[in-house]
Amino acid sequence: MALLTADDVREKEFSKTKYREGFDQDEVDDFLDAVAETIESLTRERDRAQADVRAAESNPVSPGASALLQAATDTSNPPSPASMLAMAQKLHDDYVRSGEEERERIIFDAKAEGDRIRTRAEQDSRSRLENLGADRADLERKIDDLRRFERDYRTRLKSYLENLLGDLDHGAGKDRMPNSLPTL
């Protein structure tokens, strides 16, 4: 819906009703709705403009921007188009320079953070490798212990079995009876 002007409000004519004096109630209501929408729209626009002004006042403005704003608001002695273009170019250059400075700062900070992360990762890696080396040495020591235990155990088991066989050989010759079979 198009915004109403002051002339629209002044020149609005309502149709006459047929059966009683006065205006068509629906037409009046529609017009008042349009007036209300216009007022709401203008209020929102005003609030946005005030917020922009507050934001502009709280942010420092470069000298070029300040001069440009001053020239734009100076109605008694308006600047020439060439001087406006020069001020606009200076403002543009200021913004480009500050943007480049900000870019350089961000890149520097990112590289510094990258270096910190890389250093921390290298330290963690070295620490983990040292821990893994210690764990490996412990495991190798345990494996050696198990191998020694296995050798000792085999030696003792072999000795034990040989002793049992020797006992069987010595005991079997004395207890053996001719023509007799062992019972199961």
N, C-alpha and C. Protein backbone atom coordinates (compact mmCIF):
# COMPACT_ATOMS: atom_id res chain seq x y z
N MET A 1 0.85 -1.17 0.00
CA MET A 1 0.00 0.00 0.00
C MET A 1 0.90 1.23 0.00
N ALA A 2 0.52 2.22 -0.80
CA ALA A 2 1.31 3.45 -0.91
C ALA A 2 1.11 4.29 0.35
N LEU A 3 2.17 4.98 0.75
CA LEU A 3 2.08 5.85 1.93
C LEU A 3 1.23 7.07 1.61
N LEU A 4 0.49 7.50 2.58
CA LEU A 4 -0.38 8.67 2.42
C LEU A 4 0.41 9.95 2.61
N THR A 5 0.01 10.97 1.89
CA THR A 5 0.61 12.29 2.08
C THR A 5 -0.36 13.14 2.87
N ALA A 6 0.12 14.28 3.31
CA ALA A 6 -0.75 15.20 4.05
C ALA A 6 -1.90 15.65 3.16
N ASP A 7 -1.64 15.86 1.87
CA ASP A 7 -2.70 16.26 0.93
C ASP A 7 -3.76 15.17 0.80
N ASP A 8 -3.33 13.88 0.82
CA ASP A 8 -4.31 12.80 0.74
C ASP A 8 -5.30 12.87 1.90
N VAL A 9 -4.78 13.17 3.08
CA VAL A 9 -5.65 13.26 4.26
C VAL A 9 -6.56 14.47 4.14
N ARG A 10 -6.04 15.63 3.71
CA ARG A 10 -6.84 16.84 3.61
C ARG A 10 -7.93 16.73 2.54
N GLU A 11 -7.64 16.07 1.45
CA GLU A 11 -8.55 16.04 0.32
C GLU A 11 -9.48 14.83 0.30
N LYS A 12 -9.36 13.95 1.26
CA LYS A 12 -10.18 12.75 1.28
C LYS A 12 -11.65 13.12 1.42
N GLU A 13 -12.49 12.57 0.55
CA GLU A 13 -13.94 12.78 0.62
C GLU A 13 -14.59 11.42 0.73
N PHE A 14 -15.49 11.30 1.68
CA PHE A 14 -16.21 10.06 1.88
C PHE A 14 -17.55 10.14 1.18
N SER A 15 -18.08 8.99 0.70
CA SER A 15 -19.38 8.99 0.05
C SER A 15 -20.48 9.11 1.09
N LYS A 16 -21.56 9.67 0.66
CA LYS A 16 -22.72 9.86 1.53
C LYS A 16 -23.49 8.56 1.61
N THR A 17 -24.10 8.32 2.75
CA THR A 17 -24.92 7.12 2.90
C THR A 17 -26.30 7.36 2.33
N LYS A 18 -27.00 6.32 2.01
CA LYS A 18 -28.29 6.46 1.37
C LYS A 18 -29.42 6.68 2.37
N TYR A 19 -29.39 6.04 3.48
CA TYR A 19 -30.55 6.07 4.37
C TYR A 19 -30.38 6.95 5.59
N ARG A 20 -29.23 7.44 5.85
CA ARG A 20 -29.03 8.34 6.97
C ARG A 20 -27.90 9.28 6.64
N GLU A 21 -27.82 10.35 7.40
CA GLU A 21 -26.73 11.30 7.15
C GLU A 21 -25.43 10.77 7.72
N GLY A 22 -24.35 11.16 7.13
CA GLY A 22 -23.03 10.74 7.62
C GLY A 22 -22.23 10.10 6.50
N PHE A 23 -21.19 9.40 6.88
CA PHE A 23 -20.28 8.79 5.91
C PHE A 23 -20.40 7.28 5.96
N ASP A 24 -19.94 6.66 4.90
CA ASP A 24 -19.92 5.20 4.84
C ASP A 24 -18.89 4.71 5.86
N GLN A 25 -19.37 3.96 6.83
CA GLN A 25 -18.52 3.52 7.96
C GLN A 25 -17.34 2.67 7.48
N ASP A 26 -17.54 1.77 6.54
CA ASP A 26 -16.45 0.92 6.04
C ASP A 26 -15.37 1.75 5.34
N GLU A 27 -15.80 2.75 4.58
CA GLU A 27 -14.85 3.61 3.88
C GLU A 27 -14.02 4.41 4.87
N VAL A 28 -14.64 4.92 5.92
CA VAL A 28 -13.92 5.67 6.97
C VAL A 28 -12.94 4.74 7.67
N ASP A 29 -13.39 3.53 8.00
CA ASP A 29 -12.51 2.57 8.67
C ASP A 29 -11.30 2.23 7.80
N ASP A 30 -11.53 2.01 6.50
CA ASP A 30 -10.41 1.70 5.60
C ASP A 30 -9.42 2.85 5.54
N PHE A 31 -9.94 4.07 5.47
CA PHE A 31 -9.07 5.24 5.41
C PHE A 31 -8.26 5.39 6.70
N LEU A 32 -8.92 5.18 7.84
CA LEU A 32 -8.21 5.28 9.13
C LEU A 32 -7.15 4.19 9.24
N ASP A 33 -7.42 3.00 8.70
CA ASP A 33 -6.41 1.95 8.68
C ASP A 33 -5.19 2.37 7.86
N ALA A 34 -5.44 3.01 6.72
CA ALA A 34 -4.35 3.48 5.87
C ALA A 34 -3.55 4.56 6.59
N VAL A 35 -4.23 5.47 7.29
CA VAL A 35 -3.54 6.51 8.06
C VAL A 35 -2.69 5.87 9.15
N ALA A 36 -3.25 4.85 9.83
CA ALA A 36 -2.51 4.19 10.91
C ALA A 36 -1.27 3.49 10.35
N GLU A 37 -1.39 2.82 9.21
CA GLU A 37 -0.24 2.16 8.60
C GLU A 37 0.84 3.16 8.21
N THR A 38 0.41 4.30 7.68
CA THR A 38 1.36 5.33 7.31
C THR A 38 2.10 5.84 8.54
N ILE A 39 1.37 6.07 9.60
CA ILE A 39 1.99 6.56 10.85
C ILE A 39 2.98 5.53 11.38
N GLU A 40 2.57 4.25 11.38
CA GLU A 40 3.47 3.19 11.86
C GLU A 40 4.72 3.11 11.00
N SER A 41 4.56 3.20 9.70
CA SER A 41 5.71 3.15 8.80
C SER A 41 6.66 4.31 9.04
N LEU A 42 6.09 5.50 9.18
CA LEU A 42 6.93 6.68 9.45
C LEU A 42 7.61 6.59 10.81
N THR A 43 6.92 6.03 11.78
CA THR A 43 7.52 5.86 13.11
C THR A 43 8.69 4.89 13.05
N ARG A 44 8.51 3.77 12.34
CA ARG A 44 9.63 2.82 12.19
C ARG A 44 10.80 3.46 11.47
N GLU A 45 10.51 4.22 10.42
CA GLU A 45 11.56 4.90 9.66
C GLU A 45 12.30 5.90 10.54
N ARG A 46 11.55 6.64 11.35
CA ARG A 46 12.16 7.60 12.26
C ARG A 46 13.04 6.89 13.28
N ASP A 47 12.54 5.78 13.85
CA ASP A 47 13.32 5.03 14.83
C ASP A 47 14.61 4.49 14.23
N ARG A 48 14.52 3.99 12.99
CA ARG A 48 15.73 3.51 12.32
C ARG A 48 16.72 4.64 12.10
N ALA A 49 16.23 5.78 11.69
CA ALA A 49 17.10 6.93 11.44
C ALA A 49 17.75 7.38 12.75
N GLN A 50 16.99 7.38 13.84
CA GLN A 50 17.57 7.78 15.13
C GLN A 50 18.63 6.77 15.57
N ALA A 51 18.37 5.48 15.35
CA ALA A 51 19.36 4.46 15.69
C ALA A 51 20.62 4.65 14.85
N ASP A 52 20.45 4.97 13.57
CA ASP A 52 21.62 5.22 12.72
C ASP A 52 22.41 6.43 13.20
N VAL A 53 21.70 7.46 13.63
CA VAL A 53 22.38 8.66 14.13
C VAL A 53 23.14 8.32 15.40
N ARG A 54 22.51 7.55 16.32
CA ARG A 54 23.19 7.16 17.56
C ARG A 54 24.43 6.32 17.25
N ALA A 55 24.30 5.41 16.30
CA ALA A 55 25.44 4.57 15.93
C ALA A 55 26.55 5.42 15.32
N ALA A 56 26.17 6.36 14.48
CA ALA A 56 27.17 7.23 13.86
C ALA A 56 27.86 8.11 14.91
N GLU A 57 27.10 8.54 15.91
CA GLU A 57 27.68 9.38 16.96
C GLU A 57 28.62 8.57 17.84
N SER A 58 28.32 7.29 18.06
CA SER A 58 29.16 6.47 18.94
C SER A 58 30.41 5.97 18.23
N ASN A 59 30.40 5.89 16.89
CA ASN A 59 31.57 5.47 16.13
C ASN A 59 32.35 6.69 15.70
N PRO A 60 33.67 6.64 15.91
CA PRO A 60 34.45 7.79 15.45
C PRO A 60 34.44 7.86 13.93
N VAL A 61 34.28 9.06 13.44
CA VAL A 61 34.22 9.29 12.00
C VAL A 61 35.56 9.86 11.56
N SER A 62 36.04 9.35 10.44
CA SER A 62 37.31 9.86 9.93
C SER A 62 37.14 11.32 9.55
N PRO A 63 38.24 12.07 9.52
CA PRO A 63 38.13 13.48 9.17
C PRO A 63 37.48 13.70 7.81
N GLY A 64 37.77 12.83 6.85
CA GLY A 64 37.17 12.96 5.53
C GLY A 64 35.67 12.77 5.59
N ALA A 65 35.23 11.78 6.37
CA ALA A 65 33.79 11.53 6.50
C ALA A 65 33.13 12.68 7.24
N SER A 66 33.82 13.21 8.24
CA SER A 66 33.27 14.34 8.98
C SER A 66 33.07 15.54 8.07
N ALA A 67 34.06 15.80 7.21
CA ALA A 67 33.95 16.93 6.29
C ALA A 67 32.83 16.69 5.29
N LEU A 68 32.71 15.43 4.84
CA LEU A 68 31.65 15.10 3.89
C LEU A 68 30.28 15.27 4.53
N LEU A 69 30.14 14.81 5.77
CA LEU A 69 28.87 14.97 6.47
C LEU A 69 28.56 16.45 6.68
N GLN A 70 29.57 17.20 7.05
CA GLN A 70 29.36 18.64 7.27
C GLN A 70 28.95 19.32 5.98
N ALA A 71 29.61 18.95 4.87
CA ALA A 71 29.28 19.56 3.58
C ALA A 71 27.88 19.17 3.14
N ALA A 72 27.49 17.95 3.43
CA ALA A 72 26.16 17.50 3.03
C ALA A 72 25.07 18.19 3.83
N THR A 73 25.35 18.55 5.08
CA THR A 73 24.34 19.19 5.92
C THR A 73 24.39 20.71 5.84
N ASP A 74 25.41 21.26 5.22
CA ASP A 74 25.56 22.71 5.13
C ASP A 74 24.69 23.21 3.97
N THR A 75 23.53 23.77 4.29
CA THR A 75 22.61 24.24 3.24
C THR A 75 22.84 25.70 2.88
N SER A 76 23.50 26.45 3.73
CA SER A 76 23.68 27.87 3.44
C SER A 76 24.75 28.09 2.39
N ASN A 77 25.79 27.23 2.40
CA ASN A 77 26.87 27.38 1.44
C ASN A 77 27.20 25.99 0.88
N PRO A 78 26.40 25.47 -0.04
CA PRO A 78 26.62 24.11 -0.53
C PRO A 78 27.93 24.02 -1.30
N PRO A 79 28.65 22.89 -1.14
CA PRO A 79 29.93 22.71 -1.83
C PRO A 79 29.70 22.41 -3.31
N SER A 80 30.75 22.61 -4.07
CA SER A 80 30.67 22.34 -5.50
C SER A 80 30.70 20.83 -5.72
N PRO A 81 30.20 20.37 -6.86
CA PRO A 81 30.25 18.93 -7.15
C PRO A 81 31.67 18.38 -7.15
N ALA A 82 32.62 19.17 -7.63
CA ALA A 82 34.02 18.70 -7.66
C ALA A 82 34.55 18.51 -6.25
N SER A 83 34.23 19.45 -5.36
CA SER A 83 34.73 19.30 -3.98
C SER A 83 34.02 18.14 -3.29
N MET A 84 32.74 17.91 -3.60
CA MET A 84 32.03 16.76 -3.04
C MET A 84 32.67 15.46 -3.51
N LEU A 85 33.02 15.41 -4.80
CA LEU A 85 33.67 14.21 -5.33
C LEU A 85 35.03 14.00 -4.68
N ALA A 86 35.77 15.09 -4.48
CA ALA A 86 37.09 14.98 -3.84
C ALA A 86 36.94 14.48 -2.41
N MET A 87 35.96 15.03 -1.70
CA MET A 87 35.74 14.56 -0.32
C MET A 87 35.28 13.11 -0.30
N ALA A 88 34.43 12.74 -1.24
CA ALA A 88 33.96 11.35 -1.31
C ALA A 88 35.13 10.42 -1.63
N GLN A 89 36.02 10.84 -2.53
CA GLN A 89 37.19 10.02 -2.86
C GLN A 89 38.10 9.87 -1.65
N LYS A 90 38.29 10.97 -0.91
CA LYS A 90 39.12 10.91 0.30
C LYS A 90 38.49 9.98 1.33
N LEU A 91 37.17 10.08 1.49
CA LEU A 91 36.47 9.19 2.41
C LEU A 91 36.64 7.74 1.98
N HIS A 92 36.49 7.50 0.70
CA HIS A 92 36.68 6.15 0.16
C HIS A 92 38.09 5.65 0.44
N ASP A 93 39.08 6.50 0.17
CA ASP A 93 40.47 6.11 0.42
C ASP A 93 40.71 5.81 1.90
N ASP A 94 40.10 6.62 2.79
CA ASP A 94 40.23 6.37 4.23
C ASP A 94 39.66 5.00 4.59
N TYR A 95 38.48 4.70 4.05
CA TYR A 95 37.86 3.41 4.36
C TYR A 95 38.67 2.26 3.78
N VAL A 96 39.18 2.42 2.59
CA VAL A 96 40.00 1.36 1.99
C VAL A 96 41.26 1.15 2.83
N ARG A 97 41.91 2.24 3.25
CA ARG A 97 43.12 2.13 4.07
C ARG A 97 42.82 1.45 5.40
N SER A 98 41.73 1.86 6.05
CA SER A 98 41.39 1.23 7.33
C SER A 98 41.01 -0.23 7.13
N GLY A 99 40.36 -0.54 5.99
CA GLY A 99 40.04 -1.94 5.68
C GLY A 99 41.30 -2.77 5.48
N GLU A 100 42.28 -2.20 4.77
CA GLU A 100 43.54 -2.90 4.55
C GLU A 100 44.29 -3.10 5.85
N GLU A 101 44.27 -2.09 6.72
CA GLU A 101 44.93 -2.21 8.02
C GLU A 101 44.24 -3.30 8.85
N GLU A 102 42.94 -3.32 8.80
CA GLU A 102 42.19 -4.35 9.54
C GLU A 102 42.51 -5.73 8.98
N ARG A 103 42.58 -5.84 7.64
CA ARG A 103 42.93 -7.11 7.01
C ARG A 103 44.30 -7.57 7.48
N GLU A 104 45.27 -6.66 7.48
CA GLU A 104 46.63 -7.01 7.92
C GLU A 104 46.63 -7.45 9.39
N ARG A 105 45.87 -6.76 10.21
CA ARG A 105 45.79 -7.14 11.64
C ARG A 105 45.19 -8.53 11.79
N ILE A 106 44.13 -8.80 11.04
CA ILE A 106 43.48 -10.11 11.12
C ILE A 106 44.43 -11.20 10.65
N ILE A 107 45.14 -10.95 9.55
CA ILE A 107 46.10 -11.94 9.04
C ILE A 107 47.22 -12.17 10.05
N PHE A 108 47.73 -11.08 10.65
CA PHE A 108 48.79 -11.22 11.65
C PHE A 108 48.29 -12.04 12.84
N ASP A 109 47.09 -11.72 13.33
CA ASP A 109 46.52 -12.46 14.47
C ASP A 109 46.32 -13.93 14.11
N ALA A 110 45.84 -14.19 12.89
CA ALA A 110 45.61 -15.56 12.46
C ALA A 110 46.92 -16.34 12.38
N LYS A 111 47.98 -15.69 11.84
CA LYS A 111 49.27 -16.36 11.77
C LYS A 111 49.82 -16.64 13.17
N ALA A 112 49.67 -15.67 14.06
CA ALA A 112 50.14 -15.87 15.44
C ALA A 112 49.38 -17.02 16.10
N GLU A 113 48.07 -17.06 15.90
CA GLU A 113 47.27 -18.15 16.47
C GLU A 113 47.68 -19.48 15.84
N GLY A 114 47.93 -19.48 14.53
CA GLY A 114 48.38 -20.70 13.85
C GLY A 114 49.71 -21.18 14.42
N ASP A 115 50.63 -20.24 14.67
CA ASP A 115 51.92 -20.61 15.26
C ASP A 115 51.73 -21.19 16.66
N ARG A 116 50.84 -20.57 17.44
CA ARG A 116 50.58 -21.10 18.80
C ARG A 116 50.00 -22.51 18.72
N ILE A 117 49.08 -22.73 17.81
CA ILE A 117 48.46 -24.05 17.67
C ILE A 117 49.50 -25.07 17.22
N ARG A 118 50.33 -24.69 16.24
CA ARG A 118 51.36 -25.60 15.74
C ARG A 118 52.36 -25.94 16.85
N THR A 119 52.79 -24.95 17.62
CA THR A 119 53.74 -25.19 18.71
C THR A 119 53.13 -26.13 19.75
N ARG A 120 51.88 -25.87 20.11
CA ARG A 120 51.21 -26.72 21.10
C ARG A 120 51.06 -28.14 20.56
N ALA A 121 50.75 -28.28 19.27
CA ALA A 121 50.61 -29.61 18.66
C ALA A 121 51.95 -30.34 18.65
N GLU A 122 53.04 -29.63 18.34
CA GLU A 122 54.37 -30.25 18.35
C GLU A 122 54.75 -30.70 19.75
N GLN A 123 54.44 -29.87 20.76
CA GLN A 123 54.74 -30.25 22.14
C GLN A 123 53.93 -31.47 22.55
N ASP A 124 52.65 -31.49 22.18
CA ASP A 124 51.80 -32.65 22.49
C ASP A 124 52.34 -33.90 21.80
N SER A 125 52.76 -33.73 20.55
CA SER A 125 53.30 -34.86 19.79
C SER A 125 54.55 -35.42 20.46
N ARG A 126 55.47 -34.52 20.83
CA ARG A 126 56.70 -34.97 21.50
C ARG A 126 56.37 -35.68 22.81
N SER A 127 55.46 -35.11 23.56
CA SER A 127 55.08 -35.71 24.84
C SER A 127 54.48 -37.10 24.64
N ARG A 128 53.60 -37.21 23.65
CA ARG A 128 52.98 -38.51 23.39
C ARG A 128 54.01 -39.52 22.90
N LEU A 129 54.96 -39.06 22.06
CA LEU A 129 56.00 -39.98 21.58
C LEU A 129 56.87 -40.46 22.74
N GLU A 130 57.19 -39.56 23.66
CA GLU A 130 57.97 -39.96 24.83
C GLU A 130 57.19 -40.97 25.67
N ASN A 131 55.90 -40.70 25.86
CA ASN A 131 55.08 -41.65 26.63
C ASN A 131 54.99 -42.99 25.92
N LEU A 132 54.84 -42.97 24.61
CA LEU A 132 54.78 -44.22 23.85
C LEU A 132 56.11 -44.97 23.92
N GLY A 133 57.22 -44.22 23.89
CA GLY A 133 58.54 -44.84 24.03
C GLY A 133 58.68 -45.52 25.38
N ALA A 134 58.23 -44.85 26.42
CA ALA A 134 58.29 -45.44 27.76
C ALA A 134 57.39 -46.67 27.83
N ASP A 135 56.20 -46.58 27.26
CA ASP A 135 55.28 -47.72 27.25
C ASP A 135 55.90 -48.89 26.47
N ARG A 136 56.56 -48.58 25.36
CA ARG A 136 57.19 -49.63 24.55
C ARG A 136 58.30 -50.32 25.35
N ALA A 137 59.10 -49.51 26.04
CA ALA A 137 60.17 -50.10 26.85
C ALA A 137 59.58 -51.01 27.94
N ASP A 138 58.48 -50.58 28.56
CA ASP A 138 57.83 -51.41 29.58
C ASP A 138 57.33 -52.72 28.97
N LEU A 139 56.70 -52.63 27.80
CA LEU A 139 56.18 -53.82 27.15
C LEU A 139 57.31 -54.77 26.74
N GLU A 140 58.40 -54.22 26.22
CA GLU A 140 59.53 -55.07 25.85
C GLU A 140 60.12 -55.77 27.08
N ARG A 141 60.19 -55.06 28.20
CA ARG A 141 60.69 -55.65 29.44
C ARG A 141 59.76 -56.78 29.91
N LYS A 142 58.45 -56.55 29.79
CA LYS A 142 57.48 -57.59 30.18
C LYS A 142 57.58 -58.80 29.26
N ILE A 143 57.78 -58.56 27.96
CA ILE A 143 57.94 -59.66 27.02
C ILE A 143 59.18 -60.48 27.36
N ASP A 144 60.29 -59.80 27.67
CA ASP A 144 61.52 -60.50 28.06
C ASP A 144 61.29 -61.31 29.33
N ASP A 145 60.57 -60.74 30.29
CA ASP A 145 60.27 -61.46 31.53
C ASP A 145 59.44 -62.72 31.22
N LEU A 146 58.46 -62.57 30.33
CA LEU A 146 57.63 -63.73 29.97
C LEU A 146 58.46 -64.79 29.25
N ARG A 147 59.36 -64.38 28.39
CA ARG A 147 60.22 -65.35 27.69
C ARG A 147 61.12 -66.09 28.68
N ARG A 148 61.69 -65.37 29.66
CA ARG A 148 62.51 -66.02 30.68
C ARG A 148 61.68 -67.00 31.51
N PHE A 149 60.46 -66.54 31.86
CA PHE A 149 59.57 -67.40 32.62
C PHE A 149 59.25 -68.67 31.84
N GLU A 150 58.96 -68.51 30.51
CA GLU A 150 58.65 -69.67 29.67
C GLU A 150 59.83 -70.62 29.62
N ARG A 151 61.07 -70.10 29.42
CA ARG A 151 62.27 -70.95 29.38
C ARG A 151 62.44 -71.70 30.71
N ASP A 152 62.30 -70.97 31.81
CA ASP A 152 62.45 -71.60 33.12
C ASP A 152 61.37 -72.66 33.35
N TYR A 153 60.16 -72.32 32.93
CA TYR A 153 59.04 -73.24 33.13
C TYR A 153 59.25 -74.50 32.30
N ARG A 154 59.67 -74.35 31.04
CA ARG A 154 59.93 -75.51 30.18
C ARG A 154 61.05 -76.38 30.77
N THR A 155 62.08 -75.71 31.25
CA THR A 155 63.21 -76.45 31.83
C THR A 155 62.73 -77.24 33.06
N ARG A 156 61.99 -76.60 33.93
CA ARG A 156 61.49 -77.27 35.14
C ARG A 156 60.50 -78.40 34.78
N LEU A 157 59.62 -78.11 33.78
CA LEU A 157 58.66 -79.14 33.37
C LEU A 157 59.38 -80.34 32.76
N LYS A 158 60.39 -80.07 31.93
CA LYS A 158 61.16 -81.16 31.31
C LYS A 158 61.86 -81.98 32.39
N SER A 159 62.44 -81.29 33.33
CA SER A 159 63.13 -81.97 34.43
C SER A 159 62.15 -82.81 35.24
N TYR A 160 61.00 -82.26 35.50
CA TYR A 160 59.96 -82.96 36.27
C TYR A 160 59.50 -84.21 35.52
N LEU A 161 59.23 -84.06 34.19
CA LEU A 161 58.78 -85.19 33.38
C LEU A 161 59.87 -86.25 33.26
N GLU A 162 61.13 -85.84 33.13
CA GLU A 162 62.23 -86.79 33.07
C GLU A 162 62.36 -87.56 34.39
N ASN A 163 62.16 -86.86 35.49
CA ASN A 163 62.20 -87.53 36.79
C ASN A 163 61.07 -88.55 36.90
N LEU A 164 59.88 -88.16 36.42
CA LEU A 164 58.75 -89.10 36.45
C LEU A 164 59.04 -90.32 35.58
N LEU A 165 59.59 -90.10 34.39
CA LEU A 165 59.94 -91.21 33.51
C LEU A 165 61.01 -92.09 34.14
N GLY A 166 61.96 -91.45 34.77
CA GLY A 166 63.01 -92.22 35.45
C GLY A 166 62.42 -93.06 36.57
N ASP A 167 61.48 -92.49 37.32
CA ASP A 167 60.83 -93.23 38.39
C ASP A 167 60.03 -94.39 37.82
N LEU A 168 59.38 -94.17 36.68
CA LEU A 168 58.60 -95.24 36.05
C LEU A 168 59.52 -96.36 35.58
N ASP A 169 60.65 -95.97 35.00
CA ASP A 169 61.59 -96.98 34.52
C ASP A 169 62.15 -97.80 35.68
N HIS A 170 62.48 -97.19 36.76
CA HIS A 170 63.05 -97.91 37.91
C HIS A 170 61.96 -98.69 38.64
N GLY A 171 60.82 -98.13 38.75
CA GLY A 171 59.73 -98.81 39.46
C GLY A 171 59.07 -99.86 38.62
N ALA A 172 59.05 -99.74 37.32
CA ALA A 172 58.37 -100.67 36.44
C ALA A 172 59.13 -102.00 36.37
N GLY A 173 60.43 -102.01 36.45
CA GLY A 173 61.22 -103.24 36.40
C GLY A 173 61.01 -104.09 37.64
N LYS A 174 60.82 -103.55 38.80
CA LYS A 174 60.67 -104.29 40.03
C LYS A 174 59.25 -104.82 40.19
N ASP A 175 58.27 -104.04 39.76
CA ASP A 175 56.87 -104.41 39.98
C ASP A 175 56.32 -105.27 38.85
N ARG A 176 57.07 -105.52 37.83
CA ARG A 176 56.53 -106.22 36.68
C ARG A 176 56.44 -107.71 36.95
N MET A 177 55.33 -108.24 36.56
CA MET A 177 55.16 -109.69 36.70
C MET A 177 55.11 -110.30 35.31
N PRO A 178 55.71 -111.42 35.12
CA PRO A 178 55.68 -112.00 33.80
C PRO A 178 54.25 -112.45 33.47
N ASN A 179 53.93 -112.38 32.21
CA ASN A 179 52.64 -112.74 31.65
C ASN A 179 51.47 -112.03 32.29
N SER A 180 51.66 -110.93 32.89
CA SER A 180 50.52 -110.19 33.42
C SER A 180 50.38 -108.86 32.71
N LEU A 181 49.18 -108.50 32.47
CA LEU A 181 48.89 -107.22 31.78
C LEU A 181 48.34 -106.24 32.79
N PRO A 182 48.66 -105.03 32.61
CA PRO A 182 48.09 -104.05 33.54
C PRO A 182 46.59 -103.93 33.34
N THR A 183 45.89 -103.75 34.36
CA THR A 183 44.43 -103.63 34.29
C THR A 183 44.05 -102.17 34.10
N LEU A 184 42.98 -102.09 33.44
CA LEU A 184 42.50 -100.73 33.17
C LEU A 184 41.36 -100.36 34.04
